Structure formats: structure tokens, C-alpha cells
Amino acid sequence: MNPTPHFDFSNRSIPRHIVVEGPIGVGKTSLVKQLASTFGYPTLMERPEENPFLEAFYRDKRSAAFQTQMYFLMQRVNQLNQQSANTAPLVADFLLDKDKLFAEVVLTPHEFALYEQVYAQLTLHIRQPDLVVYLQAQPKVLLERIHKRGIKSEQSITAEYLTELNAAYSKFFHYYDAAPVLIVNASDLDWVNSARDYQQLVEYLVSIGKGRHYYNPQR
């Protein structure tokens, strides 16, 4: 990884609660860690390896969908509730509102109705982010990255599932308006190994205001 470039944020208003979102394999974790280092913020990371139902879900989504989804919901709510203050700076690799996106994709209508009741009770006082960075990439790119990193539980993920997931993300963020959103085409970006890619992305990130914004740099 190239050294993080120098930034001058003296005349910038940096969002205090940043969330990086996107489908599996798109690069959320690496970008969260780099942003946290750049801004001096702590991180809040998903812990999928702790979900005892996840591997069974990837093998057979129907058999373990409800258990997997409820575990993630409880885990994410507990993580956010453990934050010391609602105004503390933070970079997270999950948006709690998006949890319903996965639920609607994988649960039956009856399961989703029950899930929504639980979700409504658990999320009454959850903090909203100041900025959401939504990373997009084509299913082929996601699948290549998933296979390259070699996590055992992920190797049964299919291109069909990633296509369905991408469609659900696009639909979700088309209507999401609880915070400003930066939509990033991540298929050809390499913020881990290219200081230039990372610097340009960060400089654009800190320049935007309210609403929805798009970052699709031309090579």
C-alpha cells in the first residue's frame, strides 16, 4: 500500500460520522481503515466472522436466512449502542438502515414482516450518519475480489446472488435520503495501492454538501 498522501483540511468541514457501504467484495473495509487514519477517527466494523449462521446461509440461503439476518441486526444495534457518545467521530463499514435491504432480499414475506417489527423497536434511537459513501462495482469484479481474498465461507457466493444484491443496493440508495450520499464507481479504483486514487476520492468527499453526489473518475 502506498503512503497516505498529505491533506490540508483547515478550510473544510469534515463529516463526523462517516459510513462506507456497498456489496461484499467492493472494498469497504480497506477504505474505512484509510479514512479513519486520514481523519484520526475510530472505526466501527462489521464482524461477519462472529455470525454462526453465515456459512450455512451462503451454502443454502433459504435454510438459514432468518437466523443470519436476525443475528446481524442484533449485532449491529449492539455495536452502535455501545458508542460512548452520539456526537463522537466515527467511520463505520455498515449502515444500519441498509440491514432491511438484505432482509427484504433473503426473507419470505412472513419472515420479513416479523423482522420489521423487531427492527422498529430496536432502532428508535440509533444515530444517523453525516455522510454515506456507497461503493459500486460490477458483479464480475466483486466475484473476482471475493475469490482472490479466499475467505472460506464466501467461496460459494454466486454471480447471480451478487447481481441481485447490486440491484437491491441501487434501489435502496435511489430512495435513501436520511444523510448525504456519495456514490462511487469502484470497479476501476484502487485506493489501497494508488495514492492518487485515494487522494482524489478524499478531496472530492470533503468538498460535497447535502444531497446525492456521484464520483466516477475518468482514467
Protein backbone atom coordinates (compact mmCIF):
# COMPACT_ATOMS: atom_id res chain seq x y z
CA MET A 1 0.00 0.00 0.00
CA ASN A 2 1.30 3.47 -0.87
CA PRO A 3 1.75 6.01 1.94
CA THR A 4 -1.34 8.08 2.67
CA PRO A 5 -0.95 11.47 0.95
CA HIS A 6 -0.90 14.73 2.88
CA PHE A 7 -4.20 16.62 3.12
CA ASP A 8 -4.99 20.13 4.24
CA PHE A 9 -8.43 20.17 5.84
CA SER A 10 -8.07 23.57 7.52
CA ASN A 11 -10.87 25.13 5.46
CA ARG A 12 -13.02 22.02 5.26
CA SER A 13 -15.96 20.81 7.31
CA ILE A 14 -15.29 17.08 7.81
CA PRO A 15 -18.32 14.84 8.47
CA ARG A 16 -18.03 13.39 11.97
CA HIS A 17 -19.92 10.15 11.34
CA ILE A 18 -18.99 8.57 8.01
CA VAL A 19 -20.38 5.27 6.78
CA VAL A 20 -18.90 3.31 3.87
CA GLU A 21 -21.39 0.94 2.26
CA GLY A 22 -21.62 -1.43 -0.69
CA PRO A 23 -21.86 -5.12 -1.58
CA ILE A 24 -19.45 -7.77 -0.40
CA GLY A 25 -16.05 -7.56 -2.11
CA VAL A 26 -16.31 -3.90 -3.09
CA GLY A 27 -13.59 -2.63 -0.74
CA LYS A 28 -15.45 -1.22 2.27
CA THR A 29 -13.03 -2.39 4.93
CA SER A 30 -9.88 -1.04 3.30
CA LEU A 31 -11.45 2.36 2.62
CA VAL A 32 -12.82 2.63 6.18
CA LYS A 33 -9.37 1.97 7.64
CA GLN A 34 -7.73 4.55 5.35
CA LEU A 35 -10.35 7.21 6.08
CA ALA A 36 -10.02 6.57 9.81
CA SER A 37 -6.26 7.04 9.56
CA THR A 38 -6.60 10.21 7.47
CA PHE A 39 -9.17 11.88 9.74
CA GLY A 40 -7.96 10.43 13.05
CA TYR A 41 -11.31 8.75 13.69
CA PRO A 42 -12.04 5.43 15.41
CA THR A 43 -13.63 2.66 13.33
CA LEU A 44 -16.75 0.58 13.79
CA MET A 45 -16.55 -2.58 11.72
CA GLU A 46 -18.92 -5.39 10.84
CA ARG A 47 -17.91 -8.70 12.39
CA PRO A 48 -19.38 -11.28 10.00
CA GLU A 49 -16.97 -13.95 11.22
CA GLU A 50 -18.88 -13.98 14.53
CA ASN A 51 -22.18 -14.90 12.88
CA PRO A 52 -22.57 -18.68 13.43
CA PHE A 53 -25.22 -18.95 10.68
CA LEU A 54 -23.36 -17.22 7.85
CA GLU A 55 -21.56 -20.17 6.29
CA ALA A 56 -24.79 -22.18 6.21
CA PHE A 57 -26.53 -19.19 4.63
CA TYR A 58 -24.01 -18.96 1.78
CA ARG A 59 -24.44 -22.69 1.11
CA ASP A 60 -28.24 -22.59 1.22
CA LYS A 61 -29.78 -19.15 1.66
CA ARG A 62 -33.28 -20.39 2.29
CA SER A 63 -32.37 -22.67 5.20
CA ALA A 64 -30.56 -20.08 7.32
CA ALA A 65 -31.75 -16.67 6.10
CA PHE A 66 -33.86 -15.65 9.09
CA GLN A 67 -31.29 -16.69 11.70
CA THR A 68 -28.49 -14.98 9.80
CA GLN A 69 -30.42 -11.76 9.39
CA MET A 70 -31.58 -11.55 13.00
CA TYR A 71 -28.08 -12.18 14.28
CA PHE A 72 -26.68 -9.35 12.15
CA LEU A 73 -29.45 -6.98 13.25
CA MET A 74 -28.82 -7.62 16.94
CA GLN A 75 -25.05 -7.41 16.48
CA ARG A 76 -25.17 -4.08 14.62
CA VAL A 77 -27.64 -2.48 17.03
CA ASN A 78 -25.49 -3.53 19.99
CA GLN A 79 -22.35 -2.13 18.34
CA LEU A 80 -23.98 1.26 17.73
CA ASN A 81 -25.48 1.39 21.21
CA GLN A 82 -22.05 0.83 22.74
CA GLN A 83 -20.70 4.07 21.26
CA SER A 84 -19.70 6.46 24.01
CA ALA A 85 -21.47 9.49 22.56
CA ASN A 86 -23.80 10.23 19.67
CA THR A 87 -21.55 13.09 18.57
CA ALA A 88 -18.21 11.26 18.69
CA PRO A 89 -16.30 10.99 15.37
CA LEU A 90 -16.58 7.61 13.70
CA VAL A 91 -16.01 5.74 10.44
CA ALA A 92 -18.16 2.61 10.05
CA ASP A 93 -18.39 -0.06 7.37
CA PHE A 94 -22.13 -0.61 7.77
CA LEU A 95 -25.30 1.47 7.62
CA LEU A 96 -27.97 0.08 9.91
CA ASP A 97 -30.78 1.30 7.64
CA LYS A 98 -29.37 -0.99 4.95
CA ASP A 99 -29.96 -4.05 7.11
CA LYS A 100 -33.54 -4.07 5.84
CA LEU A 101 -32.23 -4.26 2.27
CA PHE A 102 -30.70 -7.67 2.92
CA ALA A 103 -33.73 -8.79 4.88
CA GLU A 104 -36.09 -7.99 2.03
CA VAL A 105 -33.88 -9.87 -0.44
CA VAL A 106 -33.44 -13.09 1.56
CA LEU A 107 -36.53 -13.43 3.79
CA THR A 108 -40.00 -14.69 2.98
CA PRO A 109 -42.84 -12.12 3.29
CA HIS A 110 -43.91 -13.53 6.67
CA GLU A 111 -40.35 -13.55 7.98
CA PHE A 112 -39.79 -10.01 6.74
CA ALA A 113 -42.96 -8.79 8.47
CA LEU A 114 -41.69 -10.21 11.76
CA TYR A 115 -38.22 -8.81 11.15
CA GLU A 116 -39.67 -5.32 10.56
CA GLN A 117 -41.47 -5.40 13.90
CA VAL A 118 -38.26 -6.25 15.73
CA TYR A 119 -36.27 -3.71 13.70
CA ALA A 120 -38.68 -0.89 14.54
CA GLN A 121 -38.33 -1.49 18.27
CA LEU A 122 -34.54 -1.82 18.28
CA THR A 123 -33.64 1.20 16.15
CA LEU A 124 -35.71 4.00 17.70
CA HIS A 125 -32.68 5.94 18.98
CA ILE A 126 -29.92 4.91 16.61
CA ARG A 127 -27.61 7.70 15.41
CA GLN A 128 -27.74 8.63 11.71
CA PRO A 129 -24.51 9.27 9.77
CA ASP A 130 -23.38 12.64 8.43
CA LEU A 131 -22.21 11.09 5.14
CA VAL A 132 -22.68 7.72 3.42
CA VAL A 133 -20.12 6.62 0.83
CA TYR A 134 -21.79 3.99 -1.36
CA LEU A 135 -19.30 1.90 -3.34
CA GLN A 136 -20.49 0.22 -6.54
CA ALA A 137 -18.83 -2.44 -8.71
CA GLN A 138 -19.95 -4.93 -11.33
CA PRO A 139 -20.75 -8.50 -10.14
CA LYS A 140 -17.81 -9.86 -12.14
CA VAL A 141 -15.42 -7.53 -10.32
CA LEU A 142 -16.92 -8.40 -6.94
CA LEU A 143 -16.66 -12.12 -7.61
CA GLU A 144 -13.02 -11.81 -8.65
CA ARG A 145 -12.18 -9.92 -5.46
CA ILE A 146 -14.07 -12.41 -3.29
CA HIS A 147 -12.21 -15.35 -4.81
CA LYS A 148 -8.88 -13.52 -4.53
CA ARG A 149 -9.20 -12.87 -0.80
CA GLY A 150 -10.07 -16.52 -0.23
CA ILE A 151 -12.37 -16.42 2.81
CA LYS A 152 -13.76 -19.95 3.07
CA SER A 153 -17.35 -19.04 3.96
CA GLU A 154 -17.58 -16.70 0.92
CA GLN A 155 -16.41 -19.08 -1.80
CA SER A 156 -19.91 -20.40 -2.56
CA ILE A 157 -21.22 -16.88 -3.35
CA THR A 158 -22.51 -16.76 -6.93
CA ALA A 159 -22.62 -14.08 -9.61
CA GLU A 160 -26.41 -14.38 -9.56
CA TYR A 161 -26.54 -13.52 -5.85
CA LEU A 162 -24.21 -10.54 -6.38
CA THR A 163 -26.36 -9.31 -9.28
CA GLU A 164 -29.44 -9.50 -7.07
CA LEU A 165 -27.58 -7.73 -4.28
CA ASN A 166 -26.40 -4.94 -6.56
CA ALA A 167 -29.96 -4.36 -7.74
CA ALA A 168 -31.18 -4.17 -4.16
CA TYR A 169 -28.45 -1.66 -3.24
CA SER A 170 -29.28 0.52 -6.24
CA LYS A 171 -32.95 0.52 -5.32
CA PHE A 172 -32.20 1.28 -1.67
CA PHE A 173 -29.92 4.23 -2.34
CA HIS A 174 -32.24 5.62 -5.00
CA TYR A 175 -34.70 6.41 -2.19
CA TYR A 176 -32.34 6.87 0.77
CA ASP A 177 -32.31 10.50 1.98
CA ALA A 178 -31.50 10.33 5.69
CA ALA A 179 -27.96 11.61 5.02
CA PRO A 180 -25.87 12.94 2.12
CA VAL A 181 -24.71 10.12 -0.18
CA LEU A 182 -21.58 9.88 -2.31
CA ILE A 183 -21.97 7.15 -4.94
CA VAL A 184 -18.56 5.87 -6.09
CA ASN A 185 -17.89 3.70 -9.13
CA ALA A 186 -15.25 1.48 -7.52
CA SER A 187 -14.70 -1.02 -10.35
CA ASP A 188 -11.51 0.66 -11.60
CA LEU A 189 -10.34 2.43 -8.45
CA ASP A 190 -7.52 1.12 -6.23
CA TRP A 191 -7.33 3.32 -3.14
CA VAL A 192 -5.16 0.71 -1.40
CA ASN A 193 -2.26 0.75 -3.88
CA SER A 194 -2.73 4.09 -5.64
CA ALA A 195 -2.11 7.21 -3.57
CA ARG A 196 -3.52 9.25 -6.46
CA ASP A 197 -6.81 7.33 -6.48
CA TYR A 198 -7.17 7.73 -2.73
CA GLN A 199 -6.24 11.41 -2.63
CA GLN A 200 -8.69 12.35 -5.38
CA LEU A 201 -11.50 10.42 -3.72
CA VAL A 202 -10.92 12.04 -0.32
CA GLU A 203 -10.63 15.54 -1.76
CA TYR A 204 -13.95 15.05 -3.54
CA LEU A 205 -15.53 13.54 -0.42
CA VAL A 206 -14.77 16.57 1.76
CA SER A 207 -15.97 19.02 -0.90
CA ILE A 208 -19.60 17.87 -1.13
CA GLY A 209 -22.63 19.10 0.76
CA LYS A 210 -26.16 17.85 1.12
CA GLY A 211 -27.94 15.55 -1.29
CA ARG A 212 -26.67 12.84 -3.65
CA HIS A 213 -23.33 13.03 -5.42
CA TYR A 214 -21.50 10.82 -7.94
CA TYR A 215 -17.80 10.04 -8.23
CA ASN A 216 -16.81 8.35 -11.49
CA PRO A 217 -13.25 9.48 -12.35
CA GLN A 218 -12.04 9.09 -15.90
CA ARG A 219 -8.69 7.36 -16.42
